[in-house]
Amino acid sequence: MQLIVGLGNCGKEYLNTRHNVGFAVVDYLSNSLGLSWNSDKKMQANIACGILDNSKLIFCKPNTYMNCSGIAVLAIVSYYKIRPEDILVIHDDIDLELGKIKVKFAGGNGGHNGLRSIDHLLGKDYYRLRIGIDRPVNSEFSVSDYVLGSFTDDEYNCILNSIKIVSDNFSLLAHGQIEDFKQKI
């Protein structure tokens, strides 16, 4: 069983913001697998469950807002007894160029509050799939205003292309073929 967590903020006002790239990816993946989402108040998350090539997958979008994402992830991990190496957290990364995709196991949070929350409650030993959102060109933007801001049309098209690449190669991730996945991105 694998847990795929998309990080983001709930609410329509955050729908197409840079910080919600994780939500966008898991929405796209779950849609491509024909899964539907259910709100689980106990887990404090929206959850979609399915099977890919005989592997059970649980997709999660925490309802706790970004800074408290670890609460929902811990609840799901505890309930389903999911091992850390079977967790993939998908999130935006301001330190990667727009649309760049990277995956790694463990590491620091890079100042990302969603990762900080998960690290605090679960430790750092889980997979992370990072989608680059770049830094603001205008230095007058605060980081929080930038990540909570909406994509331009060109930026969104670039991110959508990255999401499609992840989706097209997702079975490699689901089967733990990380090095093969890295060659596709």
N, C-alpha and C. Protein backbone atom coordinates (compact mmCIF):
# COMPACT_ATOMS: atom_id res chain seq x y z
N MET A 1 0.85 -1.18 0.00
CA MET A 1 0.00 0.00 0.00
C MET A 1 0.89 1.24 0.00
N GLN A 2 0.52 2.19 -0.85
CA GLN A 2 1.29 3.43 -0.94
C GLN A 2 0.38 4.63 -0.70
N LEU A 3 0.96 5.61 -0.07
CA LEU A 3 0.27 6.87 0.18
C LEU A 3 0.90 7.94 -0.69
N ILE A 4 0.07 8.59 -1.50
CA ILE A 4 0.53 9.69 -2.36
C ILE A 4 -0.15 10.94 -1.85
N VAL A 5 0.62 11.84 -1.29
CA VAL A 5 0.11 13.06 -0.67
C VAL A 5 0.39 14.25 -1.58
N GLY A 6 -0.64 14.98 -1.91
CA GLY A 6 -0.47 16.24 -2.62
C GLY A 6 -0.60 17.37 -1.62
N LEU A 7 0.38 18.24 -1.58
CA LEU A 7 0.31 19.36 -0.63
C LEU A 7 -0.32 20.58 -1.28
N GLY A 8 -1.11 21.28 -0.49
CA GLY A 8 -1.78 22.48 -0.95
C GLY A 8 -2.66 23.03 0.15
N ASN A 9 -3.39 24.05 -0.18
CA ASN A 9 -4.35 24.66 0.75
C ASN A 9 -5.75 24.42 0.21
N CYS A 10 -6.66 24.06 1.12
CA CYS A 10 -8.04 23.84 0.70
C CYS A 10 -8.75 25.19 0.55
N GLY A 11 -9.77 25.20 -0.25
CA GLY A 11 -10.54 26.42 -0.49
C GLY A 11 -10.37 26.93 -1.90
N LYS A 12 -11.47 27.46 -2.44
CA LYS A 12 -11.47 27.92 -3.83
C LYS A 12 -10.48 29.06 -4.07
N GLU A 13 -10.22 29.87 -3.06
CA GLU A 13 -9.30 30.99 -3.25
C GLU A 13 -7.86 30.54 -3.50
N TYR A 14 -7.56 29.27 -3.20
CA TYR A 14 -6.20 28.75 -3.41
C TYR A 14 -6.11 27.82 -4.61
N LEU A 15 -7.20 27.61 -5.30
CA LEU A 15 -7.30 26.58 -6.32
C LEU A 15 -6.16 26.57 -7.34
N ASN A 16 -5.86 27.66 -7.96
CA ASN A 16 -4.84 27.69 -9.01
C ASN A 16 -3.58 28.43 -8.58
N THR A 17 -3.25 28.35 -7.31
CA THR A 17 -2.06 29.03 -6.82
C THR A 17 -0.83 28.13 -6.95
N ARG A 18 0.30 28.76 -6.92
CA ARG A 18 1.57 28.03 -7.04
C ARG A 18 1.75 27.01 -5.91
N HIS A 19 1.29 27.36 -4.73
CA HIS A 19 1.46 26.49 -3.57
C HIS A 19 0.58 25.24 -3.65
N ASN A 20 -0.36 25.20 -4.59
CA ASN A 20 -1.28 24.06 -4.70
C ASN A 20 -0.89 23.09 -5.82
N VAL A 21 0.34 23.14 -6.25
CA VAL A 21 0.79 22.23 -7.30
C VAL A 21 0.59 20.77 -6.87
N GLY A 22 0.86 20.46 -5.61
CA GLY A 22 0.68 19.09 -5.13
C GLY A 22 -0.76 18.62 -5.29
N PHE A 23 -1.71 19.48 -4.94
CA PHE A 23 -3.13 19.14 -5.12
C PHE A 23 -3.42 18.89 -6.60
N ALA A 24 -2.89 19.76 -7.47
CA ALA A 24 -3.14 19.64 -8.91
C ALA A 24 -2.63 18.30 -9.44
N VAL A 25 -1.46 17.88 -8.99
CA VAL A 25 -0.89 16.61 -9.46
C VAL A 25 -1.75 15.43 -9.02
N VAL A 26 -2.12 15.37 -7.74
CA VAL A 26 -2.92 14.21 -7.29
C VAL A 26 -4.32 14.24 -7.89
N ASP A 27 -4.86 15.42 -8.15
CA ASP A 27 -6.15 15.49 -8.85
C ASP A 27 -6.03 14.89 -10.24
N TYR A 28 -4.97 15.26 -10.94
CA TYR A 28 -4.75 14.77 -12.30
C TYR A 28 -4.55 13.25 -12.29
N LEU A 29 -3.71 12.76 -11.37
CA LEU A 29 -3.43 11.33 -11.28
C LEU A 29 -4.69 10.53 -10.94
N SER A 30 -5.43 11.01 -9.95
CA SER A 30 -6.63 10.27 -9.55
C SER A 30 -7.67 10.28 -10.66
N ASN A 31 -7.78 11.39 -11.37
CA ASN A 31 -8.71 11.48 -12.49
C ASN A 31 -8.31 10.50 -13.60
N SER A 32 -7.01 10.41 -13.89
CA SER A 32 -6.55 9.50 -14.94
C SER A 32 -6.79 8.04 -14.55
N LEU A 33 -6.88 7.75 -13.26
CA LEU A 33 -7.17 6.39 -12.79
C LEU A 33 -8.66 6.17 -12.56
N GLY A 34 -9.49 7.20 -12.81
CA GLY A 34 -10.93 7.09 -12.64
C GLY A 34 -11.39 7.01 -11.20
N LEU A 35 -10.62 7.62 -10.29
CA LEU A 35 -10.95 7.57 -8.86
C LEU A 35 -11.78 8.78 -8.46
N SER A 36 -12.56 8.61 -7.40
CA SER A 36 -13.32 9.74 -6.87
C SER A 36 -12.86 10.02 -5.44
N TRP A 37 -12.99 11.28 -5.09
CA TRP A 37 -12.53 11.76 -3.79
C TRP A 37 -13.65 11.73 -2.76
N ASN A 38 -13.28 11.41 -1.53
CA ASN A 38 -14.20 11.45 -0.40
C ASN A 38 -13.55 12.23 0.73
N SER A 39 -14.35 13.03 1.41
CA SER A 39 -13.85 13.77 2.55
C SER A 39 -13.90 12.86 3.78
N ASP A 40 -12.78 12.76 4.49
CA ASP A 40 -12.71 11.95 5.70
C ASP A 40 -12.38 12.88 6.86
N LYS A 41 -13.38 13.20 7.66
CA LYS A 41 -13.20 14.15 8.76
C LYS A 41 -12.24 13.63 9.81
N LYS A 42 -12.27 12.32 10.05
CA LYS A 42 -11.37 11.73 11.04
C LYS A 42 -9.91 11.89 10.61
N MET A 43 -9.65 11.71 9.33
CA MET A 43 -8.29 11.82 8.80
C MET A 43 -7.92 13.27 8.46
N GLN A 44 -8.91 14.16 8.48
CA GLN A 44 -8.73 15.56 8.13
C GLN A 44 -8.14 15.72 6.72
N ALA A 45 -8.72 14.94 5.79
CA ALA A 45 -8.20 14.95 4.43
C ALA A 45 -9.27 14.49 3.45
N ASN A 46 -9.07 14.85 2.19
CA ASN A 46 -9.82 14.25 1.09
C ASN A 46 -8.98 13.07 0.64
N ILE A 47 -9.65 11.94 0.42
CA ILE A 47 -8.95 10.70 0.10
C ILE A 47 -9.58 10.05 -1.13
N ALA A 48 -8.72 9.51 -1.99
CA ALA A 48 -9.17 8.71 -3.14
C ALA A 48 -8.33 7.43 -3.13
N CYS A 49 -8.99 6.29 -3.19
CA CYS A 49 -8.29 5.00 -3.14
C CYS A 49 -8.47 4.28 -4.46
N GLY A 50 -7.43 3.55 -4.84
CA GLY A 50 -7.50 2.79 -6.08
C GLY A 50 -6.38 1.77 -6.16
N ILE A 51 -6.35 1.09 -7.28
CA ILE A 51 -5.34 0.07 -7.52
C ILE A 51 -4.70 0.34 -8.87
N LEU A 52 -3.38 0.23 -8.90
CA LEU A 52 -2.62 0.37 -10.13
C LEU A 52 -1.69 -0.83 -10.23
N ASP A 53 -1.91 -1.68 -11.23
CA ASP A 53 -1.07 -2.86 -11.42
C ASP A 53 -0.94 -3.68 -10.13
N ASN A 54 -2.05 -3.96 -9.49
CA ASN A 54 -2.12 -4.77 -8.27
C ASN A 54 -1.54 -4.09 -7.03
N SER A 55 -1.21 -2.81 -7.11
CA SER A 55 -0.73 -2.06 -5.95
C SER A 55 -1.83 -1.13 -5.47
N LYS A 56 -2.14 -1.21 -4.17
CA LYS A 56 -3.16 -0.33 -3.60
C LYS A 56 -2.55 1.05 -3.37
N LEU A 57 -3.27 2.07 -3.82
CA LEU A 57 -2.84 3.45 -3.69
C LEU A 57 -3.87 4.25 -2.90
N ILE A 58 -3.38 5.10 -2.03
CA ILE A 58 -4.24 6.05 -1.32
C ILE A 58 -3.72 7.44 -1.67
N PHE A 59 -4.57 8.23 -2.32
CA PHE A 59 -4.22 9.61 -2.62
C PHE A 59 -4.81 10.48 -1.52
N CYS A 60 -4.08 11.50 -1.14
CA CYS A 60 -4.50 12.34 -0.01
C CYS A 60 -4.27 13.81 -0.33
N LYS A 61 -5.27 14.63 0.01
CA LYS A 61 -5.14 16.08 0.00
C LYS A 61 -5.55 16.54 1.41
N PRO A 62 -4.57 16.91 2.25
CA PRO A 62 -4.91 17.34 3.61
C PRO A 62 -5.86 18.53 3.62
N ASN A 63 -6.80 18.50 4.55
CA ASN A 63 -7.73 19.62 4.75
C ASN A 63 -7.27 20.53 5.88
N THR A 64 -6.04 20.39 6.29
CA THR A 64 -5.51 21.10 7.45
C THR A 64 -4.78 22.38 7.08
N TYR A 65 -4.80 22.74 5.82
CA TYR A 65 -3.98 23.82 5.27
C TYR A 65 -2.52 23.41 5.32
N MET A 66 -1.73 24.04 4.49
CA MET A 66 -0.34 23.65 4.24
C MET A 66 0.47 23.49 5.52
N ASN A 67 0.41 24.48 6.39
CA ASN A 67 1.31 24.49 7.55
C ASN A 67 1.05 23.39 8.56
N CYS A 68 -0.07 22.70 8.43
CA CYS A 68 -0.40 21.60 9.36
C CYS A 68 -0.63 20.29 8.61
N SER A 69 -0.06 20.16 7.44
CA SER A 69 -0.26 18.96 6.61
C SER A 69 0.10 17.67 7.33
N GLY A 70 1.08 17.72 8.19
CA GLY A 70 1.52 16.53 8.90
C GLY A 70 0.44 15.87 9.74
N ILE A 71 -0.51 16.65 10.22
CA ILE A 71 -1.60 16.10 11.05
C ILE A 71 -2.40 15.08 10.24
N ALA A 72 -2.80 15.44 9.03
CA ALA A 72 -3.57 14.53 8.18
C ALA A 72 -2.72 13.35 7.74
N VAL A 73 -1.48 13.61 7.36
CA VAL A 73 -0.61 12.53 6.89
C VAL A 73 -0.37 11.53 8.02
N LEU A 74 -0.12 12.00 9.23
CA LEU A 74 0.09 11.11 10.37
C LEU A 74 -1.15 10.27 10.64
N ALA A 75 -2.33 10.86 10.57
CA ALA A 75 -3.57 10.12 10.81
C ALA A 75 -3.72 8.97 9.81
N ILE A 76 -3.45 9.22 8.54
CA ILE A 76 -3.58 8.19 7.51
C ILE A 76 -2.51 7.12 7.67
N VAL A 77 -1.29 7.54 7.90
CA VAL A 77 -0.18 6.60 8.08
C VAL A 77 -0.44 5.69 9.27
N SER A 78 -0.92 6.26 10.35
CA SER A 78 -1.20 5.47 11.56
C SER A 78 -2.35 4.49 11.34
N TYR A 79 -3.41 4.95 10.72
CA TYR A 79 -4.58 4.11 10.52
C TYR A 79 -4.28 2.93 9.58
N TYR A 80 -3.61 3.22 8.47
CA TYR A 80 -3.35 2.19 7.47
C TYR A 80 -2.01 1.46 7.66
N LYS A 81 -1.24 1.88 8.69
CA LYS A 81 0.07 1.26 8.98
C LYS A 81 1.00 1.33 7.76
N ILE A 82 1.13 2.50 7.20
CA ILE A 82 1.95 2.71 6.01
C ILE A 82 3.39 2.99 6.42
N ARG A 83 4.30 2.31 5.79
CA ARG A 83 5.73 2.48 6.07
C ARG A 83 6.21 3.79 5.43
N PRO A 84 7.18 4.46 6.05
CA PRO A 84 7.69 5.72 5.50
C PRO A 84 8.17 5.60 4.05
N GLU A 85 8.79 4.49 3.70
CA GLU A 85 9.29 4.32 2.33
C GLU A 85 8.16 4.12 1.32
N ASP A 86 6.93 4.01 1.80
CA ASP A 86 5.76 3.89 0.91
C ASP A 86 4.96 5.19 0.84
N ILE A 87 5.58 6.28 1.25
CA ILE A 87 4.94 7.60 1.21
C ILE A 87 5.63 8.45 0.15
N LEU A 88 4.82 9.07 -0.70
CA LEU A 88 5.31 10.02 -1.68
C LEU A 88 4.56 11.34 -1.47
N VAL A 89 5.30 12.38 -1.15
CA VAL A 89 4.71 13.71 -0.95
C VAL A 89 5.05 14.56 -2.17
N ILE A 90 4.02 15.11 -2.79
CA ILE A 90 4.18 15.92 -4.00
C ILE A 90 3.94 17.39 -3.62
N HIS A 91 4.91 18.24 -3.96
CA HIS A 91 4.81 19.63 -3.52
C HIS A 91 5.52 20.58 -4.47
N ASP A 92 5.21 21.85 -4.33
CA ASP A 92 5.87 22.91 -5.07
C ASP A 92 7.24 23.16 -4.48
N ASP A 93 8.15 23.66 -5.33
CA ASP A 93 9.49 23.99 -4.85
C ASP A 93 9.93 25.30 -5.49
N ILE A 94 10.09 26.30 -4.67
CA ILE A 94 10.46 27.64 -5.13
C ILE A 94 11.92 27.70 -5.59
N ASP A 95 12.72 26.72 -5.18
CA ASP A 95 14.13 26.72 -5.54
C ASP A 95 14.43 25.94 -6.82
N LEU A 96 13.39 25.44 -7.47
CA LEU A 96 13.55 24.78 -8.77
C LEU A 96 12.95 25.67 -9.85
N GLU A 97 13.57 25.64 -11.03
CA GLU A 97 13.02 26.43 -12.13
C GLU A 97 11.62 25.93 -12.48
N LEU A 98 10.83 26.79 -13.02
CA LEU A 98 9.43 26.51 -13.34
C LEU A 98 9.30 25.22 -14.16
N GLY A 99 8.51 24.30 -13.64
CA GLY A 99 8.20 23.07 -14.35
C GLY A 99 9.21 21.94 -14.16
N LYS A 100 10.34 22.22 -13.56
CA LYS A 100 11.36 21.18 -13.33
C LYS A 100 10.82 20.18 -12.32
N ILE A 101 11.10 18.90 -12.56
CA ILE A 101 10.61 17.82 -11.70
C ILE A 101 11.81 17.12 -11.08
N LYS A 102 11.78 16.92 -9.79
CA LYS A 102 12.83 16.16 -9.10
C LYS A 102 12.16 15.25 -8.08
N VAL A 103 12.79 14.09 -7.86
CA VAL A 103 12.30 13.16 -6.86
C VAL A 103 13.49 12.70 -6.04
N LYS A 104 13.27 12.56 -4.74
CA LYS A 104 14.33 12.07 -3.86
C LYS A 104 13.71 11.45 -2.61
N PHE A 105 14.55 10.70 -1.91
CA PHE A 105 14.14 10.11 -0.64
C PHE A 105 14.79 10.89 0.48
N ALA A 106 13.98 11.28 1.46
CA ALA A 106 14.43 11.98 2.66
C ALA A 106 15.01 13.36 2.32
N GLY A 107 15.58 13.99 3.31
CA GLY A 107 16.18 15.31 3.11
C GLY A 107 15.53 16.37 3.96
N GLY A 108 15.94 17.60 3.72
CA GLY A 108 15.41 18.74 4.46
C GLY A 108 14.11 19.25 3.86
N ASN A 109 13.55 20.26 4.51
CA ASN A 109 12.28 20.80 4.05
C ASN A 109 12.45 22.02 3.16
N GLY A 110 13.65 22.57 3.05
CA GLY A 110 13.90 23.72 2.17
C GLY A 110 13.03 24.93 2.49
N GLY A 111 12.59 25.04 3.74
CA GLY A 111 11.73 26.16 4.13
C GLY A 111 10.26 25.96 3.77
N HIS A 112 9.91 24.77 3.26
CA HIS A 112 8.52 24.48 2.88
C HIS A 112 7.76 24.06 4.14
N ASN A 113 6.74 24.86 4.50
CA ASN A 113 6.03 24.61 5.75
C ASN A 113 5.23 23.31 5.77
N GLY A 114 4.75 22.87 4.62
CA GLY A 114 4.04 21.58 4.57
C GLY A 114 4.98 20.44 4.89
N LEU A 115 6.18 20.46 4.31
CA LEU A 115 7.18 19.44 4.61
C LEU A 115 7.64 19.54 6.06
N ARG A 116 7.80 20.75 6.54
CA ARG A 116 8.22 20.95 7.94
C ARG A 116 7.22 20.28 8.89
N SER A 117 5.95 20.42 8.61
CA SER A 117 4.91 19.82 9.45
C SER A 117 4.99 18.29 9.40
N ILE A 118 5.16 17.74 8.21
CA ILE A 118 5.26 16.28 8.06
C ILE A 118 6.52 15.78 8.74
N ASP A 119 7.65 16.45 8.51
CA ASP A 119 8.91 16.06 9.14
C ASP A 119 8.78 16.04 10.66
N HIS A 120 8.13 17.04 11.21
CA HIS A 120 7.97 17.16 12.66
C HIS A 120 7.19 15.97 13.24
N LEU A 121 6.18 15.51 12.52
CA LEU A 121 5.31 14.45 13.06
C LEU A 121 5.70 13.04 12.61
N LEU A 122 6.36 12.90 11.46
CA LEU A 122 6.69 11.58 10.94
C LEU A 122 8.17 11.32 10.77
N GLY A 123 8.99 12.34 10.79
CA GLY A 123 10.39 12.20 10.46
C GLY A 123 10.59 12.56 8.99
N LYS A 124 11.81 12.39 8.51
CA LYS A 124 12.16 12.86 7.16
C LYS A 124 12.29 11.74 6.14
N ASP A 125 12.08 10.51 6.54
CA ASP A 125 12.32 9.37 5.66
C ASP A 125 11.10 8.99 4.84
N TYR A 126 10.85 9.77 3.79
CA TYR A 126 9.79 9.50 2.83
C TYR A 126 10.20 10.11 1.51
N TYR A 127 9.55 9.71 0.43
CA TYR A 127 9.86 10.24 -0.89
C TYR A 127 9.19 11.59 -1.08
N ARG A 128 9.87 12.44 -1.83
CA ARG A 128 9.36 13.77 -2.17
C ARG A 128 9.45 13.95 -3.68
N LEU A 129 8.37 14.37 -4.27
CA LEU A 129 8.35 14.72 -5.69
C LEU A 129 8.14 16.23 -5.74
N ARG A 130 9.16 16.92 -6.24
CA ARG A 130 9.15 18.38 -6.24
C ARG A 130 8.88 18.90 -7.65
N ILE A 131 7.98 19.86 -7.74
CA ILE A 131 7.67 20.53 -9.00
C ILE A 131 8.10 21.99 -8.84
N GLY A 132 8.99 22.43 -9.71
CA GLY A 132 9.50 23.79 -9.61
C GLY A 132 8.48 24.85 -9.96
N ILE A 133 8.44 25.89 -9.13
CA ILE A 133 7.58 27.05 -9.40
C ILE A 133 8.40 28.31 -9.56
N ASP A 134 9.72 28.21 -9.41
CA ASP A 134 10.65 29.33 -9.57
C ASP A 134 10.44 30.37 -8.48
N ARG A 135 11.30 31.31 -8.44
CA ARG A 135 11.20 32.44 -7.51
C ARG A 135 10.59 33.63 -8.24
N PRO A 136 10.02 34.57 -7.49
CA PRO A 136 9.44 35.74 -8.16
C PRO A 136 10.53 36.56 -8.85
N VAL A 137 10.22 37.04 -10.04
CA VAL A 137 11.15 37.89 -10.80
C VAL A 137 11.27 39.23 -10.10
N ASN A 138 10.16 39.72 -9.60
CA ASN A 138 10.13 41.01 -8.91
C ASN A 138 10.51 40.79 -7.45
N SER A 139 11.62 41.36 -7.03
CA SER A 139 12.11 41.16 -5.65
C SER A 139 11.22 41.82 -4.60
N GLU A 140 10.26 42.63 -5.04
CA GLU A 140 9.35 43.27 -4.09
C GLU A 140 8.29 42.30 -3.57
N PHE A 141 8.10 41.18 -4.28
CA PHE A 141 7.13 40.16 -3.85
C PHE A 141 7.67 39.44 -2.62
N SER A 142 6.83 39.26 -1.63
CA SER A 142 7.21 38.39 -0.52
C SER A 142 7.02 36.95 -1.00
N VAL A 143 7.76 36.03 -0.42
CA VAL A 143 7.65 34.63 -0.81
C VAL A 143 6.22 34.14 -0.61
N SER A 144 5.60 34.48 0.53
CA SER A 144 4.23 33.99 0.78
C SER A 144 3.24 34.55 -0.23
N ASP A 145 3.37 35.82 -0.60
CA ASP A 145 2.47 36.37 -1.62
C ASP A 145 2.69 35.68 -2.95
N TYR A 146 3.93 35.37 -3.27
CA TYR A 146 4.25 34.72 -4.53
C TYR A 146 3.67 33.31 -4.59
N VAL A 147 3.94 32.48 -3.57
CA VAL A 147 3.46 31.09 -3.62
C VAL A 147 1.94 31.01 -3.52
N LEU A 148 1.33 31.99 -2.89
CA LEU A 148 -0.14 32.00 -2.80
C LEU A 148 -0.79 32.72 -3.97
N GLY A 149 0.03 33.20 -4.90
CA GLY A 149 -0.47 33.87 -6.09
C GLY A 149 -0.77 32.86 -7.19
N SER A 150 -1.57 33.29 -8.15
CA SER A 150 -1.96 32.42 -9.27
C SER A 150 -0.89 32.42 -10.35
N PHE A 151 -0.86 31.33 -11.10
CA PHE A 151 0.03 31.22 -12.25
C PHE A 151 -0.45 32.14 -13.37
N THR A 152 0.49 32.64 -14.15
CA THR A 152 0.12 33.27 -15.41
C THR A 152 -0.28 32.13 -16.36
N ASP A 153 -0.87 32.46 -17.49
CA ASP A 153 -1.26 31.42 -18.45
C ASP A 153 -0.05 30.62 -18.93
N ASP A 154 1.05 31.30 -19.22
CA ASP A 154 2.26 30.59 -19.68
C ASP A 154 2.82 29.69 -18.59
N GLU A 155 2.85 30.19 -17.36
CA GLU A 155 3.33 29.37 -16.24
C GLU A 155 2.45 28.14 -16.04
N TYR A 156 1.15 28.35 -16.13
CA TYR A 156 0.23 27.23 -15.93
C TYR A 156 0.42 26.16 -17.00
N ASN A 157 0.62 26.58 -18.25
CA ASN A 157 0.86 25.61 -19.33
C ASN A 157 2.13 24.81 -19.08
N CYS A 158 3.16 25.46 -18.56
CA CYS A 158 4.41 24.78 -18.23
C CYS A 158 4.17 23.75 -17.10
N ILE A 159 3.44 24.16 -16.08
CA ILE A 159 3.14 23.26 -14.95
C ILE A 159 2.28 22.11 -15.43
N LEU A 160 1.30 22.38 -16.27
CA LEU A 160 0.44 21.33 -16.80
C LEU A 160 1.26 20.30 -17.58
N ASN A 161 2.23 20.75 -18.32
CA ASN A 161 3.12 19.84 -19.04
C ASN A 161 3.89 18.95 -18.05
N SER A 162 4.36 19.53 -16.96
CA SER A 162 5.07 18.76 -15.94
C SER A 162 4.14 17.73 -15.29
N ILE A 163 2.91 18.12 -15.03
CA ILE A 163 1.94 17.20 -14.44
C ILE A 163 1.69 16.03 -15.38
N LYS A 164 1.60 16.30 -16.67
CA LYS A 164 1.39 15.22 -17.65
C LYS A 164 2.59 14.28 -17.69
N ILE A 165 3.78 14.81 -17.59
CA ILE A 165 4.98 13.96 -17.56
C ILE A 165 4.95 13.05 -16.34
N VAL A 166 4.60 13.60 -15.18
CA VAL A 166 4.49 12.79 -13.96
C VAL A 166 3.44 11.71 -14.16
N SER A 167 2.29 12.09 -14.70
CA SER A 167 1.20 11.14 -14.90
C SER A 167 1.59 10.03 -15.87
N ASP A 168 2.23 10.39 -16.97
CA ASP A 168 2.62 9.41 -17.97
C ASP A 168 3.61 8.39 -17.43
N ASN A 169 4.36 8.77 -16.41
CA ASN A 169 5.39 7.89 -15.86
C ASN A 169 5.12 7.47 -14.42
N PHE A 170 3.89 7.70 -13.97
CA PHE A 170 3.55 7.45 -12.57
C PHE A 170 3.70 5.99 -12.17
N SER A 171 3.44 5.07 -13.08
CA SER A 171 3.55 3.65 -12.72
C SER A 171 4.97 3.30 -12.28
N LEU A 172 5.97 3.99 -12.82
CA LEU A 172 7.34 3.77 -12.37
C LEU A 172 7.51 4.16 -10.90
N LEU A 173 6.92 5.29 -10.52
CA LEU A 173 6.96 5.70 -9.12
C LEU A 173 6.21 4.71 -8.23
N ALA A 174 5.05 4.31 -8.70
CA ALA A 174 4.21 3.40 -7.91
C ALA A 174 4.89 2.05 -7.68
N HIS A 175 5.78 1.68 -8.58
CA HIS A 175 6.49 0.39 -8.46
C HIS A 175 7.90 0.56 -7.90
N GLY A 176 8.19 1.75 -7.38
CA GLY A 176 9.49 1.98 -6.75
C GLY A 176 10.66 2.07 -7.71
N GLN A 177 10.37 2.28 -8.98
CA GLN A 177 11.43 2.38 -9.99
C GLN A 177 11.85 3.85 -10.14
N ILE A 178 12.41 4.36 -9.08
CA ILE A 178 12.74 5.79 -9.00
C ILE A 178 13.78 6.19 -10.04
N GLU A 179 14.83 5.39 -10.21
CA GLU A 179 15.87 5.73 -11.17
C GLU A 179 15.32 5.74 -12.59
N ASP A 180 14.43 4.79 -12.90
CA ASP A 180 13.80 4.77 -14.22
C ASP A 180 12.92 6.01 -14.42
N PHE A 181 12.22 6.40 -13.35
CA PHE A 181 11.39 7.61 -13.41
C PHE A 181 12.27 8.84 -13.68
N LYS A 182 13.39 8.93 -12.99
CA LYS A 182 14.28 10.09 -13.15
C LYS A 182 14.76 10.22 -14.61
N GLN A 183 14.92 9.10 -15.28
CA GLN A 183 15.38 9.15 -16.67
C GLN A 183 14.29 9.68 -17.61
N LYS A 184 13.04 9.62 -17.19
CA LYS A 184 11.92 10.06 -18.02
C LYS A 184 11.58 11.54 -17.85
N ILE A 185 12.08 12.15 -16.79
CA ILE A 185 11.70 13.54 -16.52
C ILE A 185 12.72 14.54 -17.03
